[in-house]
C-alpha atoms as a PDB file:
ATOM      1  CA  MET A   1      23.270  10.992 -12.405  1.00  0.00           C
ATOM      2  CA  ASN A   2      25.684   9.503 -14.990  1.00  0.00           C
ATOM      3  CA  ARG A   3      25.850   6.391 -12.845  1.00  0.00           C
ATOM      4  CA  TYR A   4      22.316   5.397 -13.967  1.00  0.00           C
ATOM      5  CA  ASN A   5      22.523   6.693 -17.532  1.00  0.00           C
ATOM      6  CA  PRO A   6      22.759   3.520 -19.661  1.00  0.00           C
ATOM      7  CA  PHE A   7      24.398   5.448 -22.552  1.00  0.00           C
ATOM      8  CA  SER A   8      27.291   6.759 -20.442  1.00  0.00           C
ATOM      9  CA  SER A   9      30.346   4.505 -20.505  1.00  0.00           C
ATOM     10  CA  ALA A  10      30.851   5.122 -16.753  1.00  0.00           C
ATOM     11  CA  SER A  11      27.418   3.721 -15.940  1.00  0.00           C
ATOM     12  CA  VAL A  12      26.820   0.333 -14.323  1.00  0.00           C
ATOM     13  CA  LEU A  13      23.972  -0.130 -16.860  1.00  0.00           C
ATOM     14  CA  PHE A  14      26.147   0.499 -19.924  1.00  0.00           C
ATOM     15  CA  PRO A  15      26.490  -3.219 -20.859  1.00  0.00           C
ATOM     16  CA  TYR A  16      22.695  -3.584 -20.760  1.00  0.00           C
ATOM     17  CA  ARG A  17      21.813  -0.469 -22.795  1.00  0.00           C
ATOM     18  CA  TRP A  18      20.366  -2.291 -25.832  1.00  0.00           C
ATOM     19  CA  PHE A  19      18.492  -4.758 -23.645  1.00  0.00           C
ATOM     20  CA  ILE A  20      16.872  -1.821 -21.862  1.00  0.00           C
ATOM     21  CA  VAL A  21      15.993  -0.094 -25.154  1.00  0.00           C
ATOM     22  CA  ILE A  22      14.468  -3.275 -26.618  1.00  0.00           C
ATOM     23  CA  LEU A  23      12.579  -3.993 -23.389  1.00  0.00           C
ATOM     24  CA  LEU A  24      11.102  -0.478 -23.276  1.00  0.00           C
ATOM     25  CA  SER A  25      10.202  -0.637 -26.972  1.00  0.00           C
ATOM     26  CA  LEU A  26       8.401  -3.965 -26.593  1.00  0.00           C
ATOM     27  CA  GLY A  27       6.615  -2.711 -23.476  1.00  0.00           C
ATOM     28  CA  ALA A  28       5.439   0.401 -25.326  1.00  0.00           C
ATOM     29  CA  PHE A  29       4.299  -1.665 -28.312  1.00  0.00           C
ATOM     30  CA  MET A  30       2.396  -4.118 -26.107  1.00  0.00           C
ATOM     31  CA  GLY A  31       0.810  -1.286 -24.128  1.00  0.00           C
ATOM     32  CA  TYR A  32      -0.286   0.433 -27.328  1.00  0.00           C
ATOM     33  CA  LYS A  33      -1.812  -2.760 -28.701  1.00  0.00           C
ATOM     34  CA  ASP A  34      -3.591  -3.401 -25.409  1.00  0.00           C
ATOM     35  CA  LEU A  35      -5.054   0.100 -25.242  1.00  0.00           C
ATOM     36  CA  THR A  36      -6.200   0.117 -28.856  1.00  0.00           C
ATOM     37  CA  GLY A  37      -7.629  -3.405 -28.768  1.00  0.00           C
ATOM     38  CA  GLY A  38      -5.301  -4.711 -31.480  1.00  0.00           C
ATOM     39  CA  THR A  39      -3.851  -8.180 -31.768  1.00  0.00           C
ATOM     40  CA  PHE A  40      -0.221  -9.215 -32.212  1.00  0.00           C
ATOM     41  CA  PHE A  41      -0.744 -12.072 -34.666  1.00  0.00           C
ATOM     42  CA  GLN A  42      -3.864 -12.156 -36.771  1.00  0.00           C
ATOM     43  CA  SER A  43      -4.594 -14.591 -39.553  1.00  0.00           C
ATOM     44  CA  SER A  44      -7.840 -14.550 -41.508  1.00  0.00           C
ATOM     45  CA  LYS A  45      -7.388 -18.155 -42.710  1.00  0.00           C
ATOM     46  CA  GLN A  46      -7.433 -19.650 -39.224  1.00  0.00           C
ATOM     47  CA  GLU A  47     -10.644 -21.440 -38.268  1.00  0.00           C
ATOM     48  CA  GLN A  48     -12.416 -20.405 -35.098  1.00  0.00           C
ATOM     49  CA  TRP A  49     -13.268 -23.052 -32.519  1.00  0.00           C
ATOM     50  CA  THR A  50     -16.974 -23.652 -31.907  1.00  0.00           C
ATOM     51  CA  SER A  51     -18.728 -26.015 -29.540  1.00  0.00           C
ATOM     52  CA  ASN A  52     -20.699 -27.415 -32.484  1.00  0.00           C
ATOM     53  CA  GLY A  53     -17.645 -28.973 -34.001  1.00  0.00           C
ATOM     54  CA  PRO A  54     -17.161 -29.755 -37.656  1.00  0.00           C
ATOM     55  CA  GLY A  55     -19.717 -32.559 -37.817  1.00  0.00           C
ATOM     56  CA  GLY A  56     -22.703 -31.343 -35.834  1.00  0.00           C
ATOM     57  CA  TYR A  57     -23.344 -30.484 -32.220  1.00  0.00           C
ATOM     58  CA  HIS A  58     -21.494 -31.201 -28.981  1.00  0.00           C
ATOM     59  CA  LYS A  59     -23.175 -33.637 -26.606  1.00  0.00           C
END
C-alpha cells in the first residue's frame, strides 16, 4: 500500500504529493461552491448586461 501513498518516499507518487493535495483542495472548494450556490468571483460594482442596452431598447 505504500506504493500509492503520496507521502511515503518509496511511492511513485511522492514527487507529485503537493500537486495532488492542491488538486483535491481545489476540487473540494469548487464542489462546495457548486452545492451551496456560491460564486467564485463576485463584484457588486460590475454592471449587468441587459438587452435594452444603455440607450434604450434593442431592435
